[in-house]
Amino acid sequence: MLLNHILDTDTARNSDEIRLLVEESVCHLTKAINKYGLSNIALAFNGGKDCTVLLHLLHITLLRLGLNNNGSVFTLCIETDEVFPELNNFIEQSAELYRLNLVRKNGKIKDALFELKETMPHITAVLMGTRSTDPYSATLCTFTPCDAGWPDLMRVSPILTWSYDAVWRFIRELNVPYCSLYDVGYTSLGNIHNTRPNPALLAEDGVSYKPAHALSDPALERAGRT
């Protein structure tokens, strides 16, 4: 159970390369909190590996700033289709473990953000686990306003420069809890209809799959998505 998990925030355990990335991301998060205020920020969290890293980095940042996160982080989970039961359980357990104020919305991302801005107009920025290798993300900056026709929100992407390998090294070095699907060959999580184990991780027995961190070619990260 995640509720019994002790969150490790000792970044001295991280290798030098990962520690530099951590400090860079914490700096971005600190800047966002100082600029917008924690109560005016929403965290986008769907249980995937990238936003899991972001969540733990936010936890580290709040501790360093001496801010009490007892339900103070408004967290938006946007679900567009049927969710894996394992992912659903991980999201709920993470909300309890990190003491998140979690709200789950079904539908398209754009509609959910418009609803967020309508019901909570004070929200001015959204923390996102976007990396530059994600689709349509190569030209993003850490602080990028939403496009025209979208809600008036600042997208903050503190792990934009992180690689696939860095994500997994951080998770494993600090024993960050993550969704169990990543242990059975899934490398990028969508919904139950468009996601399957990554064929690049098929084990020698032709039946089982290696864990996500074993993927040697990051270009194949989304090979399990259809």
C-alpha atoms as a PDB file:
ATOM      1  CA  MET A   1       0.000   0.000   0.000  1.00  0.00           C
ATOM      2  CA  LEU A   2       1.290   3.472  -0.874  1.00  0.00           C
ATOM      3  CA  LEU A   3      -0.042   4.872   2.385  1.00  0.00           C
ATOM      4  CA  ASN A   4       2.746   3.055   4.223  1.00  0.00           C
ATOM      5  CA  HIS A   5       5.396   4.410   1.850  1.00  0.00           C
ATOM      6  CA  ILE A   6       7.942   6.817   3.340  1.00  0.00           C
ATOM      7  CA  LEU A   7       8.642   9.616   0.877  1.00  0.00           C
ATOM      8  CA  ASP A   8      12.367  10.065   0.326  1.00  0.00           C
ATOM      9  CA  THR A   9      13.347  13.690  -0.306  1.00  0.00           C
ATOM     10  CA  ASP A  10      17.098  13.318   0.232  1.00  0.00           C
ATOM     11  CA  THR A  11      18.324  14.366  -3.209  1.00  0.00           C
ATOM     12  CA  ALA A  12      21.902  13.701  -2.083  1.00  0.00           C
ATOM     13  CA  ARG A  13      21.075  10.106  -3.027  1.00  0.00           C
ATOM     14  CA  ASN A  14      20.712  11.150  -6.643  1.00  0.00           C
ATOM     15  CA  SER A  15      23.582  10.858  -9.094  1.00  0.00           C
ATOM     16  CA  ASP A  16      25.247  14.136 -10.101  1.00  0.00           C
ATOM     17  CA  GLU A  17      23.403  14.366 -13.431  1.00  0.00           C
ATOM     18  CA  ILE A  18      19.999  13.798 -11.847  1.00  0.00           C
ATOM     19  CA  ARG A  19      20.763  16.144  -8.958  1.00  0.00           C
ATOM     20  CA  LEU A  20      21.423  18.964 -11.427  1.00  0.00           C
ATOM     21  CA  LEU A  21      18.079  18.303 -13.115  1.00  0.00           C
ATOM     22  CA  VAL A  22      16.352  18.222  -9.734  1.00  0.00           C
ATOM     23  CA  GLU A  23      17.827  21.579  -8.721  1.00  0.00           C
ATOM     24  CA  GLU A  24      16.816  23.110 -12.043  1.00  0.00           C
ATOM     25  CA  SER A  25      13.240  21.827 -11.681  1.00  0.00           C
ATOM     26  CA  VAL A  26      12.973  22.920  -8.043  1.00  0.00           C
ATOM     27  CA  CYS A  27      14.139  26.364  -9.132  1.00  0.00           C
ATOM     28  CA  HIS A  28      11.344  26.526 -11.745  1.00  0.00           C
ATOM     29  CA  LEU A  29       8.761  25.381  -9.185  1.00  0.00           C
ATOM     30  CA  THR A  30       9.972  27.895  -6.629  1.00  0.00           C
ATOM     31  CA  LYS A  31       9.740  30.654  -9.221  1.00  0.00           C
ATOM     32  CA  ALA A  32       6.164  29.633 -10.087  1.00  0.00           C
ATOM     33  CA  ILE A  33       5.091  29.514  -6.436  1.00  0.00           C
ATOM     34  CA  ASN A  34       6.679  32.887  -5.684  1.00  0.00           C
ATOM     35  CA  LYS A  35       5.178  34.475  -8.796  1.00  0.00           C
ATOM     36  CA  TYR A  36       1.639  33.102  -8.717  1.00  0.00           C
ATOM     37  CA  GLY A  37       1.156  31.869  -5.133  1.00  0.00           C
ATOM     38  CA  LEU A  38       0.507  28.233  -4.261  1.00  0.00           C
ATOM     39  CA  SER A  39      -3.239  28.809  -3.887  1.00  0.00           C
ATOM     40  CA  ASN A  40      -3.401  30.099  -7.477  1.00  0.00           C
ATOM     41  CA  ILE A  41      -1.659  27.082  -8.998  1.00  0.00           C
ATOM     42  CA  ALA A  42      -3.154  23.781 -10.143  1.00  0.00           C
ATOM     43  CA  LEU A  43      -1.196  20.566 -10.577  1.00  0.00           C
ATOM     44  CA  ALA A  44      -2.106  18.400 -13.581  1.00  0.00           C
ATOM     45  CA  PHE A  45      -1.778  14.778 -12.500  1.00  0.00           C
ATOM     46  CA  ASN A  46      -2.876  11.688 -14.421  1.00  0.00           C
ATOM     47  CA  GLY A  47      -0.730   9.068 -12.678  1.00  0.00           C
ATOM     48  CA  GLY A  48       1.832   8.741 -15.472  1.00  0.00           C
ATOM     49  CA  LYS A  49       5.571   8.555 -14.802  1.00  0.00           C
ATOM     50  CA  ASP A  50       6.320  12.146 -15.809  1.00  0.00           C
ATOM     51  CA  CYS A  51       3.712  13.824 -13.635  1.00  0.00           C
ATOM     52  CA  THR A  52       4.676  11.394 -10.861  1.00  0.00           C
ATOM     53  CA  VAL A  53       8.188  12.861 -11.016  1.00  0.00           C
ATOM     54  CA  LEU A  54       6.679  16.350 -11.050  1.00  0.00           C
ATOM     55  CA  LEU A  55       4.540  15.542  -8.013  1.00  0.00           C
ATOM     56  CA  HIS A  56       7.548  14.355  -6.013  1.00  0.00           C
ATOM     57  CA  LEU A  57       9.582  17.385  -7.088  1.00  0.00           C
ATOM     58  CA  LEU A  58       6.755  19.637  -5.923  1.00  0.00           C
ATOM     59  CA  HIS A  59       6.750  17.791  -2.599  1.00  0.00           C
ATOM     60  CA  ILE A  60      10.504  18.436  -2.273  1.00  0.00           C
ATOM     61  CA  THR A  61      10.045  22.094  -3.199  1.00  0.00           C
ATOM     62  CA  LEU A  62       7.296  22.691  -0.646  1.00  0.00           C
ATOM     63  CA  LEU A  63       9.420  21.141   2.091  1.00  0.00           C
ATOM     64  CA  ARG A  64      12.353  23.380   1.179  1.00  0.00           C
ATOM     65  CA  LEU A  65      10.107  26.443   1.218  1.00  0.00           C
ATOM     66  CA  GLY A  66       8.616  25.463   4.546  1.00  0.00           C
ATOM     67  CA  LEU A  67       5.114  25.319   3.106  1.00  0.00           C
ATOM     68  CA  ASN A  68       2.578  22.931   4.593  1.00  0.00           C
ATOM     69  CA  ASN A  69       0.898  20.761   1.984  1.00  0.00           C
ATOM     70  CA  ASN A  70      -2.166  19.542   3.815  1.00  0.00           C
ATOM     71  CA  GLY A  71      -4.633  19.585   0.974  1.00  0.00           C
ATOM     72  CA  SER A  72      -3.271  22.925  -0.232  1.00  0.00           C
ATOM     73  CA  VAL A  73      -2.236  21.688  -3.683  1.00  0.00           C
ATOM     74  CA  PHE A  74      -5.236  21.738  -5.987  1.00  0.00           C
ATOM     75  CA  THR A  75      -4.767  18.792  -8.321  1.00  0.00           C
ATOM     76  CA  LEU A  76      -6.674  18.248 -11.543  1.00  0.00           C
ATOM     77  CA  CYS A  77      -6.885  14.787 -13.071  1.00  0.00           C
ATOM     78  CA  ILE A  78      -8.347  14.872 -16.584  1.00  0.00           C
ATOM     79  CA  GLU A  79      -9.534  11.519 -17.927  1.00  0.00           C
ATOM     80  CA  THR A  80     -10.557  11.213 -21.546  1.00  0.00           C
ATOM     81  CA  ASP A  81     -11.508   7.536 -21.672  1.00  0.00           C
ATOM     82  CA  GLU A  82     -11.626   4.356 -19.627  1.00  0.00           C
ATOM     83  CA  VAL A  83      -8.752   4.272 -17.150  1.00  0.00           C
ATOM     84  CA  PHE A  84      -6.725   1.209 -16.222  1.00  0.00           C
ATOM     85  CA  PRO A  85      -7.812  -0.015 -12.747  1.00  0.00           C
ATOM     86  CA  GLU A  86      -4.152  -0.039 -11.691  1.00  0.00           C
ATOM     87  CA  LEU A  87      -3.774   3.581 -12.752  1.00  0.00           C
ATOM     88  CA  ASN A  88      -7.015   4.570 -11.067  1.00  0.00           C
ATOM     89  CA  ASN A  89      -5.849   3.033  -7.785  1.00  0.00           C
ATOM     90  CA  PHE A  90      -2.453   4.696  -8.044  1.00  0.00           C
ATOM     91  CA  ILE A  91      -4.016   8.140  -8.571  1.00  0.00           C
ATOM     92  CA  GLU A  92      -6.245   7.765  -5.513  1.00  0.00           C
ATOM     93  CA  GLN A  93      -3.432   6.422  -3.326  1.00  0.00           C
ATOM     94  CA  SER A  94      -1.071   9.181  -4.470  1.00  0.00           C
ATOM     95  CA  ALA A  95      -3.654  11.798  -3.529  1.00  0.00           C
ATOM     96  CA  GLU A  96      -3.737  10.392  -0.007  1.00  0.00           C
ATOM     97  CA  LEU A  97       0.012   9.880   0.289  1.00  0.00           C
ATOM     98  CA  TYR A  98       0.881  13.420  -0.873  1.00  0.00           C
ATOM     99  CA  ARG A  99      -2.261  14.966   0.694  1.00  0.00           C
ATOM    100  CA  LEU A 100      -3.563  16.416  -2.551  1.00  0.00           C
ATOM    101  CA  ASN A 101      -6.838  18.235  -3.086  1.00  0.00           C
ATOM    102  CA  LEU A 102      -7.746  15.990  -6.009  1.00  0.00           C
ATOM    103  CA  VAL A 103     -10.537  16.715  -8.476  1.00  0.00           C
ATOM    104  CA  ARG A 104     -11.154  14.303 -11.359  1.00  0.00           C
ATOM    105  CA  LYS A 105     -12.793  15.447 -14.601  1.00  0.00           C
ATOM    106  CA  ASN A 106     -13.937  13.363 -17.550  1.00  0.00           C
ATOM    107  CA  GLY A 107     -13.681  14.749 -21.055  1.00  0.00           C
ATOM    108  CA  LYS A 108     -11.298  16.687 -23.246  1.00  0.00           C
ATOM    109  CA  ILE A 109      -8.377  18.579 -21.758  1.00  0.00           C
ATOM    110  CA  LYS A 110      -9.465  21.894 -23.275  1.00  0.00           C
ATOM    111  CA  ASP A 111     -12.990  21.615 -21.885  1.00  0.00           C
ATOM    112  CA  ALA A 112     -11.698  20.639 -18.443  1.00  0.00           C
ATOM    113  CA  LEU A 113      -9.378  23.641 -18.330  1.00  0.00           C
ATOM    114  CA  PHE A 114     -12.165  26.005 -19.376  1.00  0.00           C
ATOM    115  CA  GLU A 115     -14.317  24.569 -16.595  1.00  0.00           C
ATOM    116  CA  LEU A 116     -11.433  24.961 -14.160  1.00  0.00           C
ATOM    117  CA  LYS A 117     -11.002  28.625 -15.082  1.00  0.00           C
ATOM    118  CA  GLU A 118     -14.752  29.198 -14.863  1.00  0.00           C
ATOM    119  CA  THR A 119     -15.213  27.642 -11.432  1.00  0.00           C
ATOM    120  CA  MET A 120     -11.840  28.713 -10.010  1.00  0.00           C
ATOM    121  CA  PRO A 121     -10.955  31.989 -11.780  1.00  0.00           C
ATOM    122  CA  HIS A 122      -8.111  32.652  -9.333  1.00  0.00           C
ATOM    123  CA  ILE A 123      -6.113  29.759 -10.842  1.00  0.00           C
ATOM    124  CA  THR A 124      -3.529  31.373 -13.110  1.00  0.00           C
ATOM    125  CA  ALA A 125      -0.981  28.610 -13.701  1.00  0.00           C
ATOM    126  CA  VAL A 126      -0.983  24.849 -14.222  1.00  0.00           C
ATOM    127  CA  LEU A 127       2.011  22.643 -13.416  1.00  0.00           C
ATOM    128  CA  MET A 128       2.462  20.006 -16.095  1.00  0.00           C
ATOM    129  CA  GLY A 129       4.749  16.982 -16.465  1.00  0.00           C
ATOM    130  CA  THR A 130       5.471  17.740 -20.104  1.00  0.00           C
ATOM    131  CA  ARG A 131       8.852  16.852 -21.601  1.00  0.00           C
ATOM    132  CA  SER A 132      10.243  18.303 -24.825  1.00  0.00           C
ATOM    133  CA  THR A 133      10.120  14.873 -26.490  1.00  0.00           C
ATOM    134  CA  ASP A 134       6.351  14.660 -26.006  1.00  0.00           C
ATOM    135  CA  PRO A 135       4.154  15.255 -29.078  1.00  0.00           C
ATOM    136  CA  TYR A 136       3.874  18.959 -30.012  1.00  0.00           C
ATOM    137  CA  SER A 137       6.208  19.967 -27.169  1.00  0.00           C
ATOM    138  CA  ALA A 138       9.578  20.499 -28.853  1.00  0.00           C
ATOM    139  CA  THR A 139       9.194  24.306 -28.996  1.00  0.00           C
ATOM    140  CA  LEU A 140       7.716  24.833 -25.532  1.00  0.00           C
ATOM    141  CA  CYS A 141       9.434  26.891 -22.862  1.00  0.00           C
ATOM    142  CA  THR A 142       9.243  26.166 -19.150  1.00  0.00           C
ATOM    143  CA  PHE A 143       6.709  28.991 -18.827  1.00  0.00           C
ATOM    144  CA  THR A 144       4.396  29.021 -21.851  1.00  0.00           C
ATOM    145  CA  PRO A 145       0.921  30.607 -21.980  1.00  0.00           C
ATOM    146  CA  CYS A 146      -1.888  28.459 -23.361  1.00  0.00           C
ATOM    147  CA  ASP A 147      -2.502  28.876 -27.081  1.00  0.00           C
ATOM    148  CA  ALA A 148      -5.118  31.223 -28.511  1.00  0.00           C
ATOM    149  CA  GLY A 149      -8.594  29.776 -28.070  1.00  0.00           C
ATOM    150  CA  TRP A 150      -7.623  28.077 -24.815  1.00  0.00           C
ATOM    151  CA  PRO A 151      -8.170  29.332 -21.239  1.00  0.00           C
ATOM    152  CA  ASP A 152      -5.973  32.164 -19.994  1.00  0.00           C
ATOM    153  CA  LEU A 153      -3.517  30.001 -18.061  1.00  0.00           C
ATOM    154  CA  MET A 154       0.245  29.760 -17.813  1.00  0.00           C
ATOM    155  CA  ARG A 155       1.591  26.273 -18.498  1.00  0.00           C
ATOM    156  CA  VAL A 156       4.563  25.560 -16.256  1.00  0.00           C
ATOM    157  CA  SER A 157       6.665  22.565 -17.311  1.00  0.00           C
ATOM    158  CA  PRO A 158       9.459  22.091 -14.739  1.00  0.00           C
ATOM    159  CA  ILE A 159      10.773  18.810 -16.210  1.00  0.00           C
ATOM    160  CA  LEU A 160      10.762  19.924 -19.837  1.00  0.00           C
ATOM    161  CA  THR A 161      14.457  19.082 -20.343  1.00  0.00           C
ATOM    162  CA  TRP A 162      14.330  15.666 -18.651  1.00  0.00           C
ATOM    163  CA  SER A 163      14.977  12.549 -20.715  1.00  0.00           C
ATOM    164  CA  TYR A 164      13.157   9.217 -20.443  1.00  0.00           C
ATOM    165  CA  ASP A 165      16.212   7.740 -18.740  1.00  0.00           C
ATOM    166  CA  ALA A 166      16.425  10.634 -16.264  1.00  0.00           C
ATOM    167  CA  VAL A 167      12.796  10.138 -15.260  1.00  0.00           C
ATOM    168  CA  TRP A 168      13.413   6.514 -14.346  1.00  0.00           C
ATOM    169  CA  ARG A 169      16.741   7.160 -12.668  1.00  0.00           C
ATOM    170  CA  PHE A 170      15.120   9.755 -10.422  1.00  0.00           C
ATOM    171  CA  ILE A 171      12.217   7.445  -9.568  1.00  0.00           C
ATOM    172  CA  ARG A 172      14.481   4.511  -8.783  1.00  0.00           C
ATOM    173  CA  GLU A 173      17.177   6.455  -6.927  1.00  0.00           C
ATOM    174  CA  LEU A 174      14.641   7.990  -4.533  1.00  0.00           C
ATOM    175  CA  ASN A 175      12.269   5.020  -4.515  1.00  0.00           C
ATOM    176  CA  VAL A 176       9.409   7.225  -5.681  1.00  0.00           C
ATOM    177  CA  PRO A 177       6.129   5.279  -5.831  1.00  0.00           C
ATOM    178  CA  TYR A 178       4.776   4.775  -9.360  1.00  0.00           C
ATOM    179  CA  CYS A 179       1.986   2.938 -11.173  1.00  0.00           C
ATOM    180  CA  SER A 180       2.500  -0.841 -11.254  1.00  0.00           C
ATOM    181  CA  LEU A 181       1.773  -1.010 -14.996  1.00  0.00           C
ATOM    182  CA  TYR A 182       5.309   0.207 -15.607  1.00  0.00           C
ATOM    183  CA  ASP A 183       6.614  -3.034 -14.110  1.00  0.00           C
ATOM    184  CA  VAL A 184       4.933  -5.156 -16.784  1.00  0.00           C
ATOM    185  CA  GLY A 185       6.092  -3.531 -20.000  1.00  0.00           C
ATOM    186  CA  TYR A 186       4.030  -0.360 -20.279  1.00  0.00           C
ATOM    187  CA  THR A 187       6.150   2.705 -21.060  1.00  0.00           C
ATOM    188  CA  SER A 188       3.532   5.340 -21.931  1.00  0.00           C
ATOM    189  CA  LEU A 189       0.044   5.223 -20.457  1.00  0.00           C
ATOM    190  CA  GLY A 190      -3.101   6.223 -22.308  1.00  0.00           C
ATOM    191  CA  ASN A 191      -6.420   4.443 -21.787  1.00  0.00           C
ATOM    192  CA  ILE A 192      -7.313   0.752 -21.878  1.00  0.00           C
ATOM    193  CA  HIS A 193      -8.224   0.981 -25.574  1.00  0.00           C
ATOM    194  CA  ASN A 194      -5.069   2.597 -26.976  1.00  0.00           C
ATOM    195  CA  THR A 195      -2.313   1.277 -24.713  1.00  0.00           C
ATOM    196  CA  ARG A 196      -0.518  -2.058 -24.566  1.00  0.00           C
ATOM    197  CA  PRO A 197       2.855  -3.280 -23.289  1.00  0.00           C
ATOM    198  CA  ASN A 198       5.753  -1.989 -25.335  1.00  0.00           C
ATOM    199  CA  PRO A 199       6.805  -4.677 -27.849  1.00  0.00           C
ATOM    200  CA  ALA A 200      10.420  -3.523 -27.455  1.00  0.00           C
ATOM    201  CA  LEU A 201      10.306  -4.877 -23.888  1.00  0.00           C
ATOM    202  CA  LEU A 202       9.084  -8.371 -24.738  1.00  0.00           C
ATOM    203  CA  ALA A 203      11.196 -10.815 -22.719  1.00  0.00           C
ATOM    204  CA  GLU A 204      13.099 -13.783 -24.086  1.00  0.00           C
ATOM    205  CA  ASP A 205      10.279 -16.141 -23.108  1.00  0.00           C
ATOM    206  CA  GLY A 206       8.032 -14.379 -25.633  1.00  0.00           C
ATOM    207  CA  VAL A 207       5.289 -13.968 -23.025  1.00  0.00           C
ATOM    208  CA  SER A 208       6.340 -11.638 -20.218  1.00  0.00           C
ATOM    209  CA  TYR A 209       7.650  -8.079 -20.478  1.00  0.00           C
ATOM    210  CA  LYS A 210      10.581  -6.262 -18.921  1.00  0.00           C
ATOM    211  CA  PRO A 211       9.922  -3.166 -16.785  1.00  0.00           C
ATOM    212  CA  ALA A 212       9.719   0.290 -18.322  1.00  0.00           C
ATOM    213  CA  HIS A 213      13.081   1.422 -16.975  1.00  0.00           C
ATOM    214  CA  ALA A 214      14.756  -1.313 -19.068  1.00  0.00           C
ATOM    215  CA  LEU A 215      13.837   0.378 -22.374  1.00  0.00           C
ATOM    216  CA  SER A 216      17.161   1.046 -24.107  1.00  0.00           C
ATOM    217  CA  ASP A 217      15.877   3.234 -26.947  1.00  0.00           C
ATOM    218  CA  PRO A 218      13.871   6.231 -25.657  1.00  0.00           C
ATOM    219  CA  ALA A 219      12.611   6.860 -29.187  1.00  0.00           C
ATOM    220  CA  LEU A 220      10.394   3.793 -28.656  1.00  0.00           C
ATOM    221  CA  GLU A 221       8.746   5.207 -25.514  1.00  0.00           C
ATOM    222  CA  ARG A 222       5.336   5.417 -27.202  1.00  0.00           C
ATOM    223  CA  ALA A 223       5.636   2.178 -29.179  1.00  0.00           C
ATOM    224  CA  GLY A 224       2.887   0.665 -27.054  1.00  0.00           C
ATOM    225  CA  ARG A 225       0.378   3.379 -27.949  1.00  0.00           C
ATOM    226  CA  THR A 226      -2.048   2.887 -30.846  1.00  0.00           C
END
